Amino acid sequence: MLPDRIPLFPLPNVVLFPQMPVPLHVFEPRYRKMVADVRAGHDTIGMVLLKPGWEPIYYGRPPVFAIGCAGRVEQCEALADGRYNLVLRGVARFEIVEEHGSEPYRVASVRPRPETCDTAALEAVRIELTSALHPQDAVALEGQLPPDLFINALSQSVDLTPLERQALLDCHDLGARGRRLIELLAFKRLERQAGSQRLH
């Protein structure tokens, strides 16, 4: 169950997907307080991607994409100097409804964005994805993952830009995410082929 109001952790290069883990190093004072607060409460942090052009106003409230993914603190190491090493596990997508200025870190009311999952359709997407993978996109996926986990694992692990990952997170369901990923992989394969031809 996703809390109605969660802290936001905006970063320029991290996009979290449901069911996936992400390691984080927390060092800014405002986000140290955020971690201490969530550890004392619901253990949930909303990961959101900063929109391009964030650099001049990073320490303010630069614009973020409206769709994010909430993660639950799975591991937390408090360092002697006040920093934290965390592992978050994605639990659910959300949409930002409204931000609140009650804390030094960003807090928002959010609306869950559930993902539909048609197992038969996703299995077809999985087969197409597997054939679309390039050896350099290979990831350590042990055993036969369920199709939803397979799609999210690839979305988070293959070589994509943060904006490409955000486009995948924005997809309204897992089937759409898988098909979008197939398109991205095909485009990257063409890029590699074009680059190889230029070298000859």
N, C-alpha and C. Protein backbone atom coordinates (compact mmCIF):
# COMPACT_ATOMS: atom_id res chain seq x y z
N MET A 1 0.85 -1.20 0.00
CA MET A 1 0.00 0.00 0.00
C MET A 1 0.88 1.24 0.00
N LEU A 2 0.66 2.14 -0.95
CA LEU A 2 1.47 3.34 -1.07
C LEU A 2 0.90 4.44 -0.19
N PRO A 3 1.72 5.07 0.68
CA PRO A 3 1.21 6.19 1.47
C PRO A 3 0.71 7.32 0.57
N ASP A 4 -0.24 8.11 1.04
CA ASP A 4 -0.78 9.22 0.25
C ASP A 4 0.24 10.33 0.06
N ARG A 5 1.14 10.47 1.02
CA ARG A 5 2.14 11.54 0.96
C ARG A 5 3.51 10.91 1.23
N ILE A 6 4.45 11.16 0.31
CA ILE A 6 5.79 10.57 0.44
C ILE A 6 6.86 11.61 0.13
N PRO A 7 8.06 11.43 0.66
CA PRO A 7 9.17 12.29 0.28
C PRO A 7 9.63 11.96 -1.13
N LEU A 8 10.10 12.99 -1.83
CA LEU A 8 10.64 12.80 -3.18
C LEU A 8 12.16 12.90 -3.14
N PHE A 9 12.81 12.01 -3.86
CA PHE A 9 14.27 12.06 -4.00
C PHE A 9 14.56 12.24 -5.48
N PRO A 10 14.69 13.52 -5.92
CA PRO A 10 14.93 13.77 -7.36
C PRO A 10 16.42 13.67 -7.69
N LEU A 11 16.71 12.90 -8.72
CA LEU A 11 18.09 12.74 -9.18
C LEU A 11 18.12 12.89 -10.70
N PRO A 12 19.29 13.25 -11.26
CA PRO A 12 19.37 13.46 -12.71
C PRO A 12 19.64 12.19 -13.51
N ASN A 13 19.93 11.08 -12.84
CA ASN A 13 20.39 9.91 -13.59
C ASN A 13 19.86 8.58 -13.07
N VAL A 14 18.87 8.60 -12.19
CA VAL A 14 18.34 7.36 -11.61
C VAL A 14 16.84 7.26 -11.89
N VAL A 15 16.43 6.17 -12.51
CA VAL A 15 15.00 5.86 -12.71
C VAL A 15 14.77 4.47 -12.11
N LEU A 16 13.87 4.40 -11.15
CA LEU A 16 13.57 3.15 -10.47
C LEU A 16 12.33 2.51 -11.08
N PHE A 17 12.34 1.17 -11.17
CA PHE A 17 11.20 0.43 -11.70
C PHE A 17 10.63 -0.49 -10.62
N PRO A 18 9.34 -0.78 -10.69
CA PRO A 18 8.75 -1.69 -9.71
C PRO A 18 9.49 -3.02 -9.63
N GLN A 19 9.67 -3.50 -8.40
CA GLN A 19 10.31 -4.77 -8.08
C GLN A 19 11.83 -4.74 -8.16
N MET A 20 12.41 -3.65 -8.66
CA MET A 20 13.84 -3.58 -8.86
C MET A 20 14.54 -2.90 -7.69
N PRO A 21 15.78 -3.35 -7.38
CA PRO A 21 16.56 -2.68 -6.35
C PRO A 21 17.44 -1.58 -6.94
N VAL A 22 17.73 -0.57 -6.15
CA VAL A 22 18.69 0.45 -6.57
C VAL A 22 19.50 0.89 -5.35
N PRO A 23 20.85 0.90 -5.47
CA PRO A 23 21.68 1.38 -4.36
C PRO A 23 21.78 2.91 -4.42
N LEU A 24 21.78 3.55 -3.28
CA LEU A 24 21.85 5.00 -3.21
C LEU A 24 22.82 5.41 -2.10
N HIS A 25 23.58 6.47 -2.37
CA HIS A 25 24.44 7.07 -1.35
C HIS A 25 23.87 8.44 -1.02
N VAL A 26 23.48 8.65 0.21
CA VAL A 26 22.78 9.88 0.62
C VAL A 26 23.74 10.72 1.46
N PHE A 27 24.05 11.93 0.98
CA PHE A 27 25.03 12.76 1.69
C PHE A 27 24.56 14.18 1.96
N GLU A 28 23.62 14.70 1.16
CA GLU A 28 23.15 16.06 1.41
C GLU A 28 22.36 16.13 2.71
N PRO A 29 22.52 17.20 3.52
CA PRO A 29 21.81 17.30 4.80
C PRO A 29 20.30 17.14 4.68
N ARG A 30 19.68 17.72 3.65
CA ARG A 30 18.22 17.63 3.54
C ARG A 30 17.77 16.19 3.30
N TYR A 31 18.58 15.43 2.56
CA TYR A 31 18.19 14.05 2.28
C TYR A 31 18.61 13.10 3.41
N ARG A 32 19.62 13.50 4.20
CA ARG A 32 19.90 12.74 5.43
C ARG A 32 18.68 12.81 6.35
N LYS A 33 18.10 13.99 6.47
CA LYS A 33 16.90 14.13 7.31
C LYS A 33 15.75 13.31 6.74
N MET A 34 15.64 13.31 5.41
CA MET A 34 14.60 12.52 4.76
C MET A 34 14.72 11.04 5.15
N VAL A 35 15.95 10.52 5.08
CA VAL A 35 16.15 9.10 5.41
C VAL A 35 15.80 8.85 6.87
N ALA A 36 16.26 9.72 7.77
CA ALA A 36 15.95 9.54 9.19
C ALA A 36 14.44 9.55 9.41
N ASP A 37 13.73 10.44 8.70
CA ASP A 37 12.28 10.53 8.87
C ASP A 37 11.56 9.28 8.35
N VAL A 38 11.96 8.80 7.18
CA VAL A 38 11.26 7.62 6.64
C VAL A 38 11.59 6.37 7.44
N ARG A 39 12.80 6.30 8.00
CA ARG A 39 13.15 5.15 8.83
C ARG A 39 12.29 5.11 10.09
N ALA A 40 11.86 6.29 10.53
CA ALA A 40 11.00 6.36 11.71
C ALA A 40 9.53 6.19 11.35
N GLY A 41 9.22 6.08 10.05
CA GLY A 41 7.83 5.99 9.61
C GLY A 41 7.59 4.84 8.66
N HIS A 42 7.21 5.19 7.41
CA HIS A 42 6.76 4.16 6.46
C HIS A 42 7.86 3.59 5.56
N ASP A 43 9.09 4.05 5.70
CA ASP A 43 10.23 3.48 4.96
C ASP A 43 10.08 3.62 3.44
N THR A 44 9.30 4.60 2.97
CA THR A 44 9.03 4.74 1.54
C THR A 44 9.57 6.06 1.01
N ILE A 45 10.27 5.98 -0.12
CA ILE A 45 10.84 7.16 -0.78
C ILE A 45 10.41 7.15 -2.23
N GLY A 46 9.97 8.29 -2.74
CA GLY A 46 9.57 8.40 -4.14
C GLY A 46 10.72 8.87 -5.02
N MET A 47 11.21 7.98 -5.88
CA MET A 47 12.28 8.35 -6.79
C MET A 47 11.69 9.02 -8.02
N VAL A 48 12.21 10.21 -8.35
CA VAL A 48 11.75 10.95 -9.53
C VAL A 48 12.97 11.47 -10.30
N LEU A 49 12.80 11.62 -11.60
CA LEU A 49 13.89 12.10 -12.46
C LEU A 49 13.77 13.59 -12.67
N LEU A 50 14.89 14.29 -12.50
CA LEU A 50 14.93 15.72 -12.78
C LEU A 50 14.81 15.96 -14.29
N LYS A 51 14.06 16.99 -14.65
CA LYS A 51 13.96 17.36 -16.06
C LYS A 51 15.23 18.07 -16.51
N PRO A 52 15.57 18.00 -17.81
CA PRO A 52 16.76 18.69 -18.30
C PRO A 52 16.73 20.18 -17.94
N GLY A 53 17.93 20.72 -17.64
CA GLY A 53 18.04 22.12 -17.25
C GLY A 53 18.00 22.33 -15.75
N TRP A 54 18.12 21.24 -14.99
CA TRP A 54 18.03 21.31 -13.52
C TRP A 54 19.24 21.94 -12.86
N GLU A 55 20.39 21.97 -13.54
CA GLU A 55 21.65 22.32 -12.88
C GLU A 55 21.66 23.66 -12.14
N PRO A 56 21.17 24.77 -12.74
CA PRO A 56 21.27 26.07 -12.04
C PRO A 56 20.44 26.15 -10.76
N ILE A 57 19.41 25.31 -10.64
CA ILE A 57 18.52 25.42 -9.48
C ILE A 57 18.43 24.10 -8.71
N TYR A 58 19.51 23.32 -8.75
CA TYR A 58 19.47 22.01 -8.11
C TYR A 58 19.11 22.11 -6.63
N TYR A 59 19.64 23.12 -5.95
CA TYR A 59 19.41 23.23 -4.51
C TYR A 59 18.08 23.89 -4.18
N GLY A 60 17.30 24.23 -5.19
CA GLY A 60 15.94 24.70 -4.98
C GLY A 60 14.98 23.55 -5.24
N ARG A 61 14.01 23.82 -6.11
CA ARG A 61 13.02 22.79 -6.46
C ARG A 61 12.89 22.72 -7.99
N PRO A 62 13.91 22.22 -8.66
CA PRO A 62 13.85 22.14 -10.12
C PRO A 62 12.73 21.20 -10.57
N PRO A 63 12.19 21.41 -11.77
CA PRO A 63 11.10 20.56 -12.26
C PRO A 63 11.51 19.09 -12.37
N VAL A 64 10.55 18.22 -12.06
CA VAL A 64 10.75 16.78 -12.16
C VAL A 64 9.64 16.19 -13.03
N PHE A 65 9.86 15.00 -13.54
CA PHE A 65 8.82 14.30 -14.28
C PHE A 65 7.72 13.88 -13.31
N ALA A 66 6.48 13.90 -13.80
CA ALA A 66 5.32 13.66 -12.93
C ALA A 66 5.20 12.20 -12.50
N ILE A 67 5.71 11.28 -13.32
CA ILE A 67 5.62 9.86 -12.99
C ILE A 67 6.93 9.40 -12.36
N GLY A 68 6.81 8.80 -11.19
CA GLY A 68 7.98 8.25 -10.49
C GLY A 68 7.68 6.85 -10.01
N CYS A 69 8.62 6.31 -9.23
CA CYS A 69 8.42 4.99 -8.65
C CYS A 69 8.82 5.05 -7.18
N ALA A 70 7.91 4.62 -6.34
CA ALA A 70 8.20 4.58 -4.90
C ALA A 70 9.01 3.33 -4.59
N GLY A 71 9.99 3.51 -3.69
CA GLY A 71 10.79 2.38 -3.25
C GLY A 71 10.74 2.26 -1.74
N ARG A 72 10.83 1.03 -1.27
CA ARG A 72 10.87 0.79 0.17
C ARG A 72 12.30 0.50 0.57
N VAL A 73 12.72 1.03 1.71
CA VAL A 73 14.10 0.83 2.18
C VAL A 73 14.27 -0.64 2.53
N GLU A 74 15.17 -1.30 1.81
CA GLU A 74 15.43 -2.73 2.01
C GLU A 74 16.68 -2.93 2.85
N GLN A 75 17.66 -2.06 2.64
CA GLN A 75 18.88 -2.06 3.46
C GLN A 75 19.24 -0.62 3.77
N CYS A 76 19.77 -0.40 4.96
CA CYS A 76 20.17 0.95 5.35
C CYS A 76 21.40 0.87 6.24
N GLU A 77 22.47 1.51 5.79
CA GLU A 77 23.70 1.59 6.57
C GLU A 77 23.93 3.05 6.93
N ALA A 78 23.87 3.36 8.23
CA ALA A 78 24.13 4.72 8.71
C ALA A 78 25.63 4.86 8.96
N LEU A 79 26.27 5.80 8.26
CA LEU A 79 27.70 6.00 8.41
C LEU A 79 27.99 6.96 9.56
N ALA A 80 29.21 6.92 10.05
CA ALA A 80 29.57 7.69 11.24
C ALA A 80 29.43 9.19 11.04
N ASP A 81 29.60 9.66 9.82
CA ASP A 81 29.54 11.11 9.55
C ASP A 81 28.13 11.59 9.20
N GLY A 82 27.12 10.71 9.32
CA GLY A 82 25.74 11.13 9.06
C GLY A 82 25.22 10.77 7.69
N ARG A 83 26.10 10.28 6.81
CA ARG A 83 25.63 9.85 5.49
C ARG A 83 24.99 8.46 5.60
N TYR A 84 24.31 8.07 4.52
CA TYR A 84 23.67 6.75 4.49
C TYR A 84 23.98 6.04 3.18
N ASN A 85 24.11 4.73 3.26
CA ASN A 85 24.07 3.87 2.09
C ASN A 85 22.76 3.09 2.16
N LEU A 86 21.97 3.20 1.09
CA LEU A 86 20.65 2.57 1.07
C LEU A 86 20.54 1.61 -0.11
N VAL A 87 19.65 0.65 0.04
CA VAL A 87 19.12 -0.09 -1.11
C VAL A 87 17.61 0.05 -1.05
N LEU A 88 17.04 0.63 -2.12
CA LEU A 88 15.59 0.74 -2.23
C LEU A 88 15.10 -0.36 -3.16
N ARG A 89 13.93 -0.88 -2.86
CA ARG A 89 13.28 -1.85 -3.74
C ARG A 89 12.00 -1.22 -4.27
N GLY A 90 11.87 -1.08 -5.60
CA GLY A 90 10.69 -0.47 -6.19
C GLY A 90 9.42 -1.21 -5.80
N VAL A 91 8.39 -0.46 -5.41
CA VAL A 91 7.13 -1.10 -5.02
C VAL A 91 5.96 -0.69 -5.91
N ALA A 92 5.93 0.57 -6.39
CA ALA A 92 4.77 0.99 -7.19
C ALA A 92 5.08 2.31 -7.90
N ARG A 93 4.56 2.43 -9.11
CA ARG A 93 4.61 3.71 -9.81
C ARG A 93 3.61 4.67 -9.17
N PHE A 94 3.89 5.96 -9.32
CA PHE A 94 2.96 6.97 -8.82
C PHE A 94 3.00 8.19 -9.72
N GLU A 95 1.98 9.03 -9.57
CA GLU A 95 1.92 10.33 -10.23
C GLU A 95 1.87 11.41 -9.15
N ILE A 96 2.69 12.44 -9.31
CA ILE A 96 2.67 13.54 -8.35
C ILE A 96 1.38 14.34 -8.52
N VAL A 97 0.67 14.54 -7.44
CA VAL A 97 -0.57 15.33 -7.45
C VAL A 97 -0.28 16.76 -7.01
N GLU A 98 0.49 16.90 -5.93
CA GLU A 98 0.76 18.22 -5.37
C GLU A 98 1.99 18.12 -4.47
N GLU A 99 2.85 19.13 -4.54
CA GLU A 99 4.00 19.18 -3.63
C GLU A 99 3.67 20.04 -2.42
N HIS A 100 4.36 19.72 -1.30
CA HIS A 100 4.16 20.45 -0.05
C HIS A 100 5.51 20.96 0.46
N GLY A 101 5.51 22.10 1.08
CA GLY A 101 6.76 22.72 1.53
C GLY A 101 7.02 22.58 3.01
N SER A 102 6.64 21.45 3.59
CA SER A 102 6.71 21.30 5.04
C SER A 102 8.08 20.85 5.55
N GLU A 103 8.97 20.41 4.66
CA GLU A 103 10.26 19.87 5.07
C GLU A 103 11.37 20.47 4.20
N PRO A 104 12.63 20.37 4.66
CA PRO A 104 13.73 20.84 3.80
C PRO A 104 13.87 20.02 2.52
N TYR A 105 13.44 18.77 2.56
CA TYR A 105 13.39 17.93 1.35
C TYR A 105 11.99 18.04 0.75
N ARG A 106 11.84 17.53 -0.46
CA ARG A 106 10.56 17.65 -1.16
C ARG A 106 9.59 16.55 -0.73
N VAL A 107 8.35 16.94 -0.54
CA VAL A 107 7.29 16.02 -0.13
C VAL A 107 6.12 16.22 -1.08
N ALA A 108 5.45 15.15 -1.48
CA ALA A 108 4.34 15.28 -2.42
C ALA A 108 3.20 14.34 -2.04
N SER A 109 1.99 14.81 -2.32
CA SER A 109 0.85 13.91 -2.36
C SER A 109 0.90 13.19 -3.70
N VAL A 110 0.69 11.89 -3.67
CA VAL A 110 0.84 11.08 -4.89
C VAL A 110 -0.38 10.20 -5.10
N ARG A 111 -0.55 9.81 -6.37
CA ARG A 111 -1.63 8.91 -6.76
C ARG A 111 -1.00 7.66 -7.36
N PRO A 112 -1.31 6.47 -6.85
CA PRO A 112 -0.73 5.24 -7.42
C PRO A 112 -1.10 5.09 -8.89
N ARG A 113 -0.17 4.56 -9.68
CA ARG A 113 -0.41 4.26 -11.09
C ARG A 113 -0.15 2.77 -11.30
N PRO A 114 -1.16 1.93 -11.00
CA PRO A 114 -0.97 0.48 -11.11
C PRO A 114 -0.66 0.07 -12.55
N GLU A 115 0.04 -1.06 -12.67
CA GLU A 115 0.40 -1.59 -13.98
C GLU A 115 -0.38 -2.88 -14.24
N THR A 116 -1.05 -2.93 -15.38
CA THR A 116 -1.76 -4.15 -15.74
C THR A 116 -0.76 -5.20 -16.23
N CYS A 117 -1.15 -6.45 -16.11
CA CYS A 117 -0.23 -7.54 -16.44
C CYS A 117 -1.00 -8.71 -17.04
N ASP A 118 -0.99 -8.81 -18.38
CA ASP A 118 -1.58 -9.95 -19.08
C ASP A 118 -0.45 -10.94 -19.35
N THR A 119 -0.43 -12.02 -18.58
CA THR A 119 0.72 -12.94 -18.61
C THR A 119 0.98 -13.50 -20.01
N ALA A 120 -0.07 -13.88 -20.73
CA ALA A 120 0.13 -14.46 -22.06
C ALA A 120 0.73 -13.44 -23.02
N ALA A 121 0.20 -12.22 -22.99
CA ALA A 121 0.73 -11.17 -23.87
C ALA A 121 2.16 -10.82 -23.50
N LEU A 122 2.45 -10.79 -22.19
CA LEU A 122 3.81 -10.46 -21.76
C LEU A 122 4.81 -11.54 -22.14
N GLU A 123 4.36 -12.77 -22.19
CA GLU A 123 5.26 -13.85 -22.59
C GLU A 123 5.70 -13.67 -24.04
N ALA A 124 4.77 -13.22 -24.89
CA ALA A 124 5.11 -12.94 -26.29
C ALA A 124 6.12 -11.79 -26.38
N VAL A 125 5.92 -10.77 -25.53
CA VAL A 125 6.86 -9.64 -25.50
C VAL A 125 8.22 -10.11 -25.03
N ARG A 126 8.24 -11.00 -24.03
CA ARG A 126 9.51 -11.52 -23.53
C ARG A 126 10.31 -12.21 -24.63
N ILE A 127 9.63 -13.02 -25.45
CA ILE A 127 10.31 -13.74 -26.53
C ILE A 127 10.91 -12.75 -27.53
N GLU A 128 10.14 -11.72 -27.87
CA GLU A 128 10.64 -10.72 -28.82
C GLU A 128 11.80 -9.93 -28.23
N LEU A 129 11.69 -9.63 -26.93
CA LEU A 129 12.77 -8.89 -26.26
C LEU A 129 14.06 -9.70 -26.25
N THR A 130 13.94 -10.97 -25.96
CA THR A 130 15.13 -11.83 -25.89
C THR A 130 15.87 -11.84 -27.22
N SER A 131 15.13 -11.89 -28.32
CA SER A 131 15.77 -11.89 -29.64
C SER A 131 16.32 -10.52 -30.00
N ALA A 132 15.78 -9.45 -29.38
CA ALA A 132 16.25 -8.10 -29.69
C ALA A 132 17.51 -7.72 -28.93
N LEU A 133 17.84 -8.48 -27.89
CA LEU A 133 18.99 -8.13 -27.05
C LEU A 133 20.30 -8.32 -27.81
N HIS A 134 21.19 -7.37 -27.63
CA HIS A 134 22.55 -7.44 -28.16
C HIS A 134 23.43 -8.03 -27.06
N PRO A 135 24.51 -8.74 -27.41
CA PRO A 135 25.38 -9.29 -26.36
C PRO A 135 25.82 -8.24 -25.33
N GLN A 136 26.04 -7.02 -25.78
CA GLN A 136 26.49 -6.00 -24.84
C GLN A 136 25.35 -5.53 -23.93
N ASP A 137 24.11 -5.88 -24.26
CA ASP A 137 22.98 -5.57 -23.39
C ASP A 137 22.70 -6.68 -22.39
N ALA A 138 23.50 -7.76 -22.46
CA ALA A 138 23.22 -8.91 -21.61
C ALA A 138 23.30 -8.53 -20.14
N VAL A 139 22.38 -9.07 -19.36
CA VAL A 139 22.36 -8.82 -17.92
C VAL A 139 22.32 -10.15 -17.20
N ALA A 140 22.73 -10.15 -15.96
CA ALA A 140 22.75 -11.39 -15.18
C ALA A 140 21.35 -11.70 -14.68
N LEU A 141 20.58 -12.39 -15.50
CA LEU A 141 19.22 -12.78 -15.14
C LEU A 141 19.22 -14.29 -14.93
N GLU A 142 19.28 -14.67 -13.66
CA GLU A 142 19.37 -16.10 -13.35
C GLU A 142 18.00 -16.76 -13.46
N GLY A 143 17.95 -17.90 -14.10
CA GLY A 143 16.71 -18.66 -14.18
C GLY A 143 15.69 -18.01 -15.09
N GLN A 144 14.47 -18.49 -15.00
CA GLN A 144 13.38 -18.02 -15.85
C GLN A 144 12.54 -17.03 -15.04
N LEU A 145 12.82 -15.75 -15.19
CA LEU A 145 12.06 -14.73 -14.46
C LEU A 145 10.65 -14.63 -15.02
N PRO A 146 9.68 -14.29 -14.18
CA PRO A 146 8.35 -13.97 -14.70
C PRO A 146 8.45 -12.82 -15.69
N PRO A 147 7.56 -12.76 -16.69
CA PRO A 147 7.69 -11.74 -17.73
C PRO A 147 7.71 -10.30 -17.19
N ASP A 148 6.89 -9.99 -16.17
CA ASP A 148 6.88 -8.62 -15.64
C ASP A 148 8.22 -8.26 -15.02
N LEU A 149 8.79 -9.18 -14.27
CA LEU A 149 10.10 -8.94 -13.65
C LEU A 149 11.19 -8.85 -14.71
N PHE A 150 11.09 -9.68 -15.74
CA PHE A 150 12.06 -9.66 -16.84
C PHE A 150 12.07 -8.30 -17.54
N ILE A 151 10.88 -7.77 -17.84
CA ILE A 151 10.77 -6.48 -18.53
C ILE A 151 11.33 -5.36 -17.67
N ASN A 152 10.97 -5.34 -16.39
CA ASN A 152 11.47 -4.28 -15.51
C ASN A 152 12.97 -4.39 -15.27
N ALA A 153 13.47 -5.62 -15.17
CA ALA A 153 14.91 -5.81 -14.97
C ALA A 153 15.70 -5.29 -16.17
N LEU A 154 15.22 -5.59 -17.37
CA LEU A 154 15.90 -5.07 -18.56
C LEU A 154 15.78 -3.56 -18.64
N SER A 155 14.61 -3.01 -18.31
CA SER A 155 14.40 -1.56 -18.38
C SER A 155 15.39 -0.83 -17.49
N GLN A 156 15.73 -1.44 -16.36
CA GLN A 156 16.63 -0.78 -15.43
C GLN A 156 18.10 -1.08 -15.70
N SER A 157 18.40 -2.17 -16.42
CA SER A 157 19.79 -2.60 -16.49
C SER A 157 20.47 -2.43 -17.85
N VAL A 158 19.71 -2.39 -18.95
CA VAL A 158 20.40 -2.26 -20.23
C VAL A 158 20.90 -0.82 -20.42
N ASP A 159 21.75 -0.64 -21.39
CA ASP A 159 22.42 0.64 -21.59
C ASP A 159 21.46 1.65 -22.24
N LEU A 160 20.82 2.46 -21.41
CA LEU A 160 19.88 3.48 -21.86
C LEU A 160 20.18 4.79 -21.16
N THR A 161 19.75 5.89 -21.75
CA THR A 161 19.88 7.18 -21.09
C THR A 161 18.79 7.32 -20.04
N PRO A 162 18.97 8.22 -19.06
CA PRO A 162 17.90 8.45 -18.08
C PRO A 162 16.57 8.83 -18.72
N LEU A 163 16.60 9.64 -19.79
CA LEU A 163 15.35 10.04 -20.44
C LEU A 163 14.68 8.85 -21.13
N GLU A 164 15.48 7.93 -21.68
CA GLU A 164 14.90 6.73 -22.28
C GLU A 164 14.27 5.84 -21.21
N ARG A 165 14.93 5.74 -20.06
CA ARG A 165 14.34 4.97 -18.96
C ARG A 165 13.04 5.61 -18.48
N GLN A 166 13.02 6.95 -18.41
CA GLN A 166 11.80 7.63 -17.98
C GLN A 166 10.66 7.35 -18.95
N ALA A 167 10.97 7.34 -20.24
CA ALA A 167 9.94 7.02 -21.24
C ALA A 167 9.37 5.63 -21.01
N LEU A 168 10.21 4.70 -20.55
CA LEU A 168 9.73 3.35 -20.25
C LEU A 168 8.85 3.35 -18.99
N LEU A 169 9.29 4.10 -17.98
CA LEU A 169 8.50 4.17 -16.74
C LEU A 169 7.14 4.81 -17.00
N ASP A 170 7.08 5.75 -17.92
CA ASP A 170 5.83 6.45 -18.23
C ASP A 170 4.79 5.54 -18.89
N CYS A 171 5.23 4.42 -19.48
CA CYS A 171 4.29 3.55 -20.20
C CYS A 171 3.16 3.09 -19.27
N HIS A 172 1.95 3.04 -19.80
CA HIS A 172 0.78 2.81 -18.96
C HIS A 172 0.64 1.36 -18.50
N ASP A 173 1.30 0.43 -19.18
CA ASP A 173 1.27 -0.95 -18.70
C ASP A 173 2.56 -1.66 -19.12
N LEU A 174 2.74 -2.87 -18.62
CA LEU A 174 3.98 -3.59 -18.85
C LEU A 174 4.16 -4.01 -20.30
N GLY A 175 3.06 -4.34 -20.97
CA GLY A 175 3.16 -4.69 -22.37
C GLY A 175 3.69 -3.54 -23.20
N ALA A 176 3.15 -2.33 -22.94
CA ALA A 176 3.62 -1.14 -23.64
C ALA A 176 5.09 -0.87 -23.33
N ARG A 177 5.48 -1.11 -22.08
CA ARG A 177 6.89 -0.91 -21.70
C ARG A 177 7.78 -1.87 -22.46
N GLY A 178 7.37 -3.12 -22.54
CA GLY A 178 8.18 -4.10 -23.25
C GLY A 178 8.31 -3.76 -24.73
N ARG A 179 7.21 -3.33 -25.34
CA ARG A 179 7.27 -2.98 -26.77
C ARG A 179 8.13 -1.74 -26.99
N ARG A 180 8.04 -0.78 -26.09
CA ARG A 180 8.88 0.42 -26.22
C ARG A 180 10.35 0.06 -26.06
N LEU A 181 10.64 -0.87 -25.17
CA LEU A 181 12.02 -1.31 -24.98
C LEU A 181 12.54 -2.00 -26.23
N ILE A 182 11.71 -2.80 -26.87
CA ILE A 182 12.11 -3.44 -28.13
C ILE A 182 12.48 -2.38 -29.16
N GLU A 183 11.68 -1.31 -29.26
CA GLU A 183 11.97 -0.23 -30.20
C GLU A 183 13.31 0.44 -29.86
N LEU A 184 13.55 0.69 -28.58
CA LEU A 184 14.80 1.34 -28.16
C LEU A 184 16.00 0.45 -28.48
N LEU A 185 15.88 -0.83 -28.22
CA LEU A 185 16.99 -1.75 -28.50
C LEU A 185 17.27 -1.83 -30.00
N ALA A 186 16.22 -1.83 -30.80
CA ALA A 186 16.40 -1.86 -32.26
C ALA A 186 17.11 -0.60 -32.74
N PHE A 187 16.72 0.55 -32.18
CA PHE A 187 17.35 1.81 -32.56
C PHE A 187 18.83 1.80 -32.17
N LYS A 188 19.14 1.30 -30.98
CA LYS A 188 20.53 1.28 -30.53
C LYS A 188 21.36 0.30 -31.37
N ARG A 189 20.74 -0.77 -31.82
CA ARG A 189 21.45 -1.69 -32.70
C ARG A 189 21.81 -1.00 -34.01
N LEU A 190 20.88 -0.21 -34.55
CA LEU A 190 21.16 0.56 -35.77
C LEU A 190 22.29 1.57 -35.54
N GLU A 191 22.27 2.21 -34.36
CA GLU A 191 23.34 3.17 -34.03
C GLU A 191 24.70 2.48 -34.01
N ARG A 192 24.76 1.28 -33.39
CA ARG A 192 26.03 0.56 -33.32
C ARG A 192 26.50 0.16 -34.71
N GLN A 193 25.55 -0.27 -35.55
CA GLN A 193 25.91 -0.68 -36.92
C GLN A 193 26.44 0.52 -37.70
N ALA A 194 25.79 1.67 -37.53
CA ALA A 194 26.24 2.88 -38.23
C ALA A 194 27.62 3.29 -37.75
N GLY A 195 27.85 3.19 -36.44
CA GLY A 195 29.16 3.53 -35.90
C GLY A 195 30.25 2.59 -36.39
N SER A 196 29.92 1.30 -36.50
CA SER A 196 30.88 0.31 -36.99
C SER A 196 31.23 0.56 -38.44
N GLN A 197 30.25 0.95 -39.23
CA GLN A 197 30.49 1.22 -40.65
C GLN A 197 31.38 2.44 -40.83
N ARG A 198 31.22 3.43 -39.94
CA ARG A 198 32.06 4.65 -40.05
C ARG A 198 33.52 4.35 -39.73
N LEU A 199 33.75 3.30 -38.93
CA LEU A 199 35.12 2.96 -38.55
C LEU A 199 35.87 2.19 -39.63
N HIS A 200 35.13 1.72 -40.65
CA HIS A 200 35.76 0.93 -41.71
C HIS A 200 35.96 1.76 -42.97
